[in-house]
N, C-alpha and C. Protein backbone atom coordinates (compact mmCIF):
# COMPACT_ATOMS: atom_id res chain seq x y z
N MET A 1 -146.77 44.17 -33.06
CA MET A 1 -148.03 44.68 -32.69
C MET A 1 -149.15 44.57 -33.72
N ARG A 2 -148.62 44.28 -35.03
CA ARG A 2 -149.53 44.09 -36.18
C ARG A 2 -149.96 42.88 -36.06
N ARG A 3 -149.06 41.81 -35.42
CA ARG A 3 -149.76 40.56 -35.40
C ARG A 3 -150.93 40.42 -34.38
N ILE A 4 -150.77 41.14 -33.06
CA ILE A 4 -151.86 41.01 -32.17
C ILE A 4 -152.92 41.40 -33.02
N ALA A 5 -152.94 42.53 -33.84
CA ALA A 5 -154.30 43.27 -34.26
C ALA A 5 -154.81 42.20 -35.61
N LEU A 6 -153.82 41.22 -36.07
CA LEU A 6 -154.26 40.34 -37.11
C LEU A 6 -155.19 39.23 -36.46
N VAL A 7 -154.90 38.80 -35.39
CA VAL A 7 -155.35 37.71 -34.70
C VAL A 7 -156.97 37.71 -34.71
N PRO A 8 -157.79 38.56 -34.10
CA PRO A 8 -158.89 38.86 -33.99
C PRO A 8 -159.52 38.73 -35.30
N LEU A 9 -158.96 39.56 -36.49
CA LEU A 9 -159.39 39.30 -37.85
C LEU A 9 -159.47 38.00 -38.44
N LEU A 10 -158.30 37.28 -38.01
CA LEU A 10 -158.21 35.83 -38.75
C LEU A 10 -159.18 35.16 -37.80
N LEU A 11 -159.50 35.27 -36.62
CA LEU A 11 -160.48 34.46 -35.76
C LEU A 11 -161.60 34.69 -36.26
N ALA A 12 -162.11 36.02 -36.70
CA ALA A 12 -163.31 36.26 -36.95
C ALA A 12 -163.64 35.70 -38.51
N VAL A 13 -162.58 35.84 -39.35
CA VAL A 13 -162.89 35.01 -40.76
C VAL A 13 -163.08 33.55 -40.52
N GLY A 14 -162.22 32.80 -39.70
CA GLY A 14 -162.22 31.33 -39.45
C GLY A 14 -163.57 30.99 -38.93
N LEU A 15 -163.88 32.04 -38.03
CA LEU A 15 -165.28 31.62 -37.49
C LEU A 15 -166.37 31.75 -38.38
N LEU A 16 -166.51 32.65 -39.30
CA LEU A 16 -167.51 32.86 -40.70
C LEU A 16 -167.39 31.79 -41.35
N ALA A 17 -166.06 31.30 -41.88
CA ALA A 17 -165.98 30.14 -42.64
C ALA A 17 -166.53 28.98 -41.81
N GLY A 18 -166.29 28.94 -40.70
CA GLY A 18 -166.89 27.56 -39.94
C GLY A 18 -168.30 27.74 -39.94
N CYS A 19 -168.98 28.81 -39.74
CA CYS A 19 -170.26 28.95 -39.48
C CYS A 19 -170.92 28.38 -41.00
N ALA A 20 -170.38 28.86 -42.03
CA ALA A 20 -170.88 28.45 -43.38
C ALA A 20 -170.66 26.96 -43.59
N GLN A 21 -169.74 26.36 -43.09
CA GLN A 21 -169.44 24.97 -43.17
C GLN A 21 -170.51 24.14 -42.12
N VAL A 22 -170.55 24.69 -41.01
CA VAL A 22 -171.66 24.07 -40.07
C VAL A 22 -173.03 24.29 -40.64
N THR A 23 -173.53 25.39 -41.21
CA THR A 23 -174.62 25.60 -41.81
C THR A 23 -174.87 24.67 -43.16
N GLN A 24 -173.97 24.29 -44.04
CA GLN A 24 -173.83 23.35 -45.11
C GLN A 24 -174.18 21.98 -44.63
N ALA A 25 -173.23 21.64 -43.37
CA ALA A 25 -173.43 20.37 -42.97
C ALA A 25 -174.68 20.11 -42.12
N ALA A 26 -175.37 21.11 -41.51
CA ALA A 26 -176.61 20.98 -40.96
C ALA A 26 -177.75 20.87 -41.99
N GLY A 27 -177.57 21.65 -42.87
CA GLY A 27 -178.43 21.65 -44.08
C GLY A 27 -178.47 20.07 -44.86
N ASP A 28 -177.33 19.63 -44.91
CA ASP A 28 -177.12 18.35 -45.79
C ASP A 28 -177.73 17.25 -44.82
N ALA A 29 -177.63 17.33 -43.46
CA ALA A 29 -178.15 16.39 -42.67
C ALA A 29 -179.74 16.47 -42.30
N PHE A 30 -180.28 17.66 -42.73
CA PHE A 30 -181.73 17.64 -42.48
C PHE A 30 -182.28 17.66 -44.00
N GLY A 31 -181.65 17.66 -44.82
CA GLY A 31 -182.03 17.55 -46.26
C GLY A 31 -182.41 18.88 -46.85
N VAL A 32 -181.78 19.90 -46.48
CA VAL A 32 -182.28 21.27 -46.88
C VAL A 32 -181.18 21.55 -48.09
N PRO A 33 -181.51 21.86 -49.21
CA PRO A 33 -180.44 22.38 -50.11
C PRO A 33 -180.12 24.11 -50.05
N VAL A 34 -178.99 23.87 -48.93
CA VAL A 34 -178.61 25.47 -48.55
C VAL A 34 -178.10 25.99 -49.85
N ALA A 35 -177.33 25.52 -50.82
CA ALA A 35 -176.78 26.17 -51.85
C ALA A 35 -178.09 26.73 -52.58
N GLU A 36 -178.72 25.79 -53.15
CA GLU A 36 -180.03 26.32 -53.69
C GLU A 36 -180.98 27.32 -53.24
N THR A 37 -181.31 27.09 -52.11
CA THR A 37 -181.89 28.19 -51.39
C THR A 37 -181.38 29.55 -51.35
N CYS A 38 -180.21 29.54 -51.13
CA CYS A 38 -179.41 30.96 -51.01
C CYS A 38 -179.31 31.42 -52.32
N ALA A 39 -179.02 30.66 -53.40
CA ALA A 39 -178.90 31.07 -54.63
C ALA A 39 -180.39 31.51 -55.21
N THR A 40 -181.35 30.82 -54.79
CA THR A 40 -182.78 31.46 -55.09
C THR A 40 -183.15 32.91 -54.42
N ILE A 41 -182.81 32.88 -53.29
CA ILE A 41 -183.04 34.15 -52.51
C ILE A 41 -182.24 35.34 -53.12
N ASP A 42 -180.91 35.13 -53.35
CA ASP A 42 -180.14 35.88 -53.98
C ASP A 42 -180.55 36.40 -55.34
N ASP A 43 -181.10 35.39 -56.24
CA ASP A 43 -181.58 35.72 -57.35
C ASP A 43 -182.81 36.84 -57.29
N ALA A 44 -183.64 36.39 -56.38
CA ALA A 44 -184.74 37.30 -56.08
C ALA A 44 -184.53 38.57 -55.74
N TYR A 45 -183.44 38.61 -54.71
CA TYR A 45 -182.94 39.98 -54.26
C TYR A 45 -182.34 40.98 -55.42
N ALA A 46 -181.60 39.97 -56.05
CA ALA A 46 -181.00 40.76 -57.38
C ALA A 46 -182.00 41.24 -58.32
N GLN A 47 -182.86 40.63 -58.45
CA GLN A 47 -184.02 41.29 -59.49
C GLN A 47 -184.75 42.48 -58.89
N TYR A 48 -184.86 42.58 -57.56
CA TYR A 48 -185.53 43.61 -56.85
C TYR A 48 -184.62 44.73 -56.98
N GLN A 49 -183.10 44.43 -56.59
CA GLN A 49 -182.34 45.66 -56.72
C GLN A 49 -182.13 46.19 -58.22
N GLU A 50 -182.17 45.25 -59.10
CA GLU A 50 -182.04 45.87 -60.51
C GLU A 50 -183.60 46.68 -60.82
N LEU A 51 -184.43 46.34 -60.25
CA LEU A 51 -185.65 47.01 -60.77
C LEU A 51 -185.60 48.46 -60.12
N LEU A 52 -185.15 48.63 -58.66
CA LEU A 52 -184.89 49.70 -58.12
C LEU A 52 -183.83 50.68 -58.63
N SER A 53 -182.86 50.01 -59.05
CA SER A 53 -181.73 50.89 -59.84
C SER A 53 -182.01 51.69 -61.07
N GLN A 54 -183.15 50.99 -61.75
CA GLN A 54 -183.52 51.50 -63.03
C GLN A 54 -184.36 52.88 -62.93
N GLY A 55 -184.98 53.02 -61.60
CA GLY A 55 -185.64 54.17 -61.41
C GLY A 55 -186.89 54.76 -61.75
N ASP A 56 -187.15 54.08 -62.98
CA ASP A 56 -188.38 54.61 -63.81
C ASP A 56 -189.51 53.31 -63.75
N ALA A 57 -189.28 52.57 -63.09
CA ALA A 57 -190.09 51.47 -62.99
C ALA A 57 -191.41 51.79 -62.76
N SER A 58 -192.62 51.41 -63.30
CA SER A 58 -194.13 51.62 -63.07
C SER A 58 -194.53 51.05 -61.76
N ALA A 59 -195.63 51.49 -61.14
CA ALA A 59 -196.25 50.99 -60.12
C ALA A 59 -196.25 49.52 -60.38
N GLU A 60 -196.98 49.20 -61.49
CA GLU A 60 -197.37 47.83 -61.62
C GLU A 60 -196.08 46.73 -61.50
N GLN A 61 -195.00 47.47 -62.36
CA GLN A 61 -193.57 46.69 -62.20
C GLN A 61 -193.22 46.45 -60.90
N LEU A 62 -193.21 47.52 -59.91
CA LEU A 62 -192.77 47.40 -58.74
C LEU A 62 -193.70 46.22 -57.73
N ASP A 63 -195.28 46.36 -58.04
CA ASP A 63 -195.95 45.48 -57.33
C ASP A 63 -195.56 43.83 -58.09
N ALA A 64 -195.51 43.77 -59.25
CA ALA A 64 -195.04 42.39 -59.74
C ALA A 64 -193.71 42.03 -58.94
N ALA A 65 -192.68 42.85 -59.05
CA ALA A 65 -191.48 42.52 -58.37
C ALA A 65 -191.62 41.98 -56.79
N ARG A 66 -192.53 43.07 -56.14
CA ARG A 66 -192.73 42.65 -54.95
C ARG A 66 -193.52 41.15 -54.61
N ASP A 67 -194.58 40.99 -55.35
CA ASP A 67 -195.26 39.56 -55.53
C ASP A 67 -194.47 38.39 -55.74
N ASP A 68 -193.51 38.74 -56.67
CA ASP A 68 -192.45 37.64 -57.19
C ASP A 68 -191.39 37.30 -55.92
N LEU A 69 -191.11 38.37 -55.44
CA LEU A 69 -190.16 38.23 -54.25
C LEU A 69 -190.98 37.50 -53.10
N VAL A 70 -192.13 37.91 -52.80
CA VAL A 70 -192.82 37.39 -51.72
C VAL A 70 -192.99 35.87 -52.04
N ALA A 71 -193.39 35.61 -53.36
CA ALA A 71 -193.77 34.20 -53.84
C ALA A 71 -192.58 33.16 -53.62
N THR A 72 -191.41 33.88 -54.04
CA THR A 72 -190.00 33.17 -54.00
C THR A 72 -189.84 32.95 -52.45
N LEU A 73 -189.89 33.89 -51.40
CA LEU A 73 -189.61 33.54 -50.07
C LEU A 73 -190.61 32.69 -49.60
N ASP A 74 -191.94 32.74 -50.04
CA ASP A 74 -192.91 31.74 -49.35
C ASP A 74 -192.53 30.32 -49.84
N GLY A 75 -191.97 30.23 -51.24
CA GLY A 75 -191.74 29.01 -51.63
C GLY A 75 -190.41 28.49 -50.92
N VAL A 76 -189.55 29.23 -50.59
CA VAL A 76 -188.47 28.72 -49.72
C VAL A 76 -188.80 28.31 -48.38
N ALA A 77 -189.66 29.32 -47.77
CA ALA A 77 -190.00 28.88 -46.43
C ALA A 77 -190.80 27.81 -46.33
N ASP A 78 -191.44 27.25 -47.37
CA ASP A 78 -192.29 25.95 -47.38
C ASP A 78 -191.32 24.72 -47.24
N GLY A 79 -189.86 25.09 -47.64
CA GLY A 79 -189.37 23.85 -47.51
C GLY A 79 -188.40 24.05 -46.57
N MET A 80 -188.67 24.84 -45.52
CA MET A 80 -187.53 24.86 -44.34
C MET A 80 -188.64 24.66 -42.98
N ASP A 81 -187.77 24.18 -42.03
CA ASP A 81 -188.51 23.94 -40.82
C ASP A 81 -187.76 24.87 -39.84
N GLY A 82 -188.54 25.29 -38.86
CA GLY A 82 -187.70 25.91 -37.66
C GLY A 82 -187.67 27.45 -37.72
N GLN A 83 -186.56 27.83 -36.89
CA GLN A 83 -186.58 29.34 -36.91
C GLN A 83 -186.15 29.96 -38.44
N LEU A 84 -185.52 29.32 -39.15
CA LEU A 84 -184.97 29.76 -40.59
C LEU A 84 -186.42 30.19 -41.31
N GLY A 85 -187.34 28.99 -41.23
CA GLY A 85 -188.51 29.02 -41.90
C GLY A 85 -189.37 29.93 -41.69
N ASP A 86 -189.30 30.19 -40.30
CA ASP A 86 -190.25 31.22 -39.64
C ASP A 86 -189.67 32.67 -40.03
N LEU A 87 -188.53 32.80 -39.94
CA LEU A 87 -187.85 34.08 -40.40
C LEU A 87 -188.05 34.55 -41.94
N ILE A 88 -187.99 33.61 -42.73
CA ILE A 88 -188.39 33.57 -44.00
C ILE A 88 -189.82 34.19 -44.23
N ARG A 89 -190.77 33.45 -43.71
CA ARG A 89 -192.25 33.32 -43.81
C ARG A 89 -192.51 35.05 -43.18
N SER A 90 -192.19 35.29 -42.29
CA SER A 90 -192.44 36.51 -41.65
C SER A 90 -191.93 37.70 -42.42
N GLY A 91 -190.58 37.43 -42.98
CA GLY A 91 -190.08 38.43 -43.75
C GLY A 91 -190.94 38.82 -45.34
N ALA A 92 -191.49 37.63 -45.85
CA ALA A 92 -192.46 37.50 -46.93
C ALA A 92 -193.66 38.18 -46.58
N ASP A 93 -194.14 37.76 -45.20
CA ASP A 93 -195.44 38.41 -44.84
C ASP A 93 -195.54 40.11 -44.83
N GLN A 94 -194.42 40.45 -44.11
CA GLN A 94 -194.15 41.93 -43.93
C GLN A 94 -194.10 42.66 -45.48
N LEU A 95 -193.25 41.94 -46.29
CA LEU A 95 -193.21 42.49 -47.55
C LEU A 95 -194.40 42.57 -48.42
N GLY A 96 -195.40 41.50 -48.33
CA GLY A 96 -196.52 41.30 -49.04
C GLY A 96 -197.54 42.53 -48.46
N GLY A 97 -197.36 43.12 -47.43
CA GLY A 97 -198.27 44.15 -47.04
C GLY A 97 -197.75 45.36 -47.36
N MET A 98 -196.54 45.66 -48.00
CA MET A 98 -195.91 46.87 -48.12
C MET A 98 -196.46 47.36 -49.75
N THR A 99 -196.55 48.71 -50.02
CA THR A 99 -197.43 48.97 -51.28
C THR A 99 -196.17 49.70 -52.03
N ASP A 100 -195.10 50.26 -51.21
CA ASP A 100 -194.24 51.13 -52.05
C ASP A 100 -192.99 50.44 -51.79
N LEU A 101 -192.36 49.94 -52.77
CA LEU A 101 -191.02 49.11 -52.58
C LEU A 101 -190.03 50.24 -52.87
N GLN A 102 -190.13 51.56 -53.11
CA GLN A 102 -189.07 52.45 -53.06
C GLN A 102 -189.27 53.11 -51.74
N ALA A 103 -190.02 52.95 -50.80
CA ALA A 103 -190.11 53.93 -49.63
C ALA A 103 -189.00 53.23 -48.84
N PRO A 104 -188.42 54.25 -48.04
CA PRO A 104 -187.03 54.02 -47.24
C PRO A 104 -187.47 52.93 -46.33
N GLU A 105 -188.72 52.66 -45.61
CA GLU A 105 -188.90 51.80 -44.62
C GLU A 105 -188.88 50.20 -45.35
N THR A 106 -189.26 50.39 -46.55
CA THR A 106 -189.40 49.00 -47.40
C THR A 106 -188.25 48.53 -47.65
N VAL A 107 -187.27 49.62 -48.14
CA VAL A 107 -185.84 49.14 -48.59
C VAL A 107 -185.08 48.51 -47.38
N GLU A 108 -185.42 49.31 -46.41
CA GLU A 108 -184.72 48.88 -44.96
C GLU A 108 -185.04 47.49 -44.54
N ALA A 109 -186.34 47.26 -44.51
CA ALA A 109 -186.89 45.99 -44.31
C ALA A 109 -186.22 44.89 -45.17
N ILE A 110 -186.33 45.17 -46.52
CA ILE A 110 -185.71 43.99 -47.33
C ILE A 110 -184.39 44.06 -47.09
N GLU A 111 -183.41 45.07 -46.90
CA GLU A 111 -182.26 44.74 -46.48
C GLU A 111 -181.80 43.79 -45.22
N ARG A 112 -182.58 44.23 -44.26
CA ARG A 112 -182.52 43.35 -42.89
C ARG A 112 -183.00 41.94 -43.12
N LEU A 113 -183.80 41.75 -43.87
CA LEU A 113 -184.26 40.25 -44.10
C LEU A 113 -183.23 39.66 -44.95
N HIS A 114 -182.70 40.58 -46.20
CA HIS A 114 -181.49 39.85 -46.96
C HIS A 114 -180.14 39.53 -46.08
N ASP A 115 -179.77 40.49 -45.04
CA ASP A 115 -178.59 40.49 -44.07
C ASP A 115 -178.90 39.31 -43.19
N GLY A 116 -180.29 39.06 -42.68
CA GLY A 116 -180.49 38.10 -41.91
C GLY A 116 -180.32 36.58 -42.70
N LEU A 117 -180.78 36.59 -43.71
CA LEU A 117 -180.51 35.40 -44.36
C LEU A 117 -179.21 35.16 -45.08
N SER A 118 -178.58 36.10 -45.20
CA SER A 118 -176.98 36.01 -45.58
C SER A 118 -176.23 35.63 -44.58
N SER A 119 -176.67 35.77 -43.36
CA SER A 119 -175.81 35.04 -42.34
C SER A 119 -176.10 33.47 -42.15
N PHE A 120 -177.03 33.06 -42.74
CA PHE A 120 -177.54 31.71 -42.81
C PHE A 120 -176.56 31.26 -44.20
N CYS A 121 -176.47 32.02 -45.10
CA CYS A 121 -176.19 31.42 -46.35
C CYS A 121 -174.71 31.44 -46.33
N GLY A 122 -173.96 32.49 -45.39
CA GLY A 122 -172.48 32.30 -45.35
C GLY A 122 -171.89 33.18 -46.55
């Protein structure tokens, strides 16, 4: 019985690994530096998370973090075509209009964007 339960799990892991490999291959074919792009997005996201975890950040620091995150995302989107570039640019535009990075809706929007991009990055 345990073998039957493991099959879907192993298939899911295999598919996820396959998606990451397909994404990398497609990125290579179209000249998109997938690893670099994902690392840039992850770095910007980590800086945002670090600032939020400090808890005592000033409004100016939060605004600067938002502006840096938006600029990073815009820069990445400029190097992308198609749906992925549109997704990144849309997220950057949405974040650019937000004034409170600690508001639940802002945190949720950033998490959704990060999760969406993580599926691309594998």
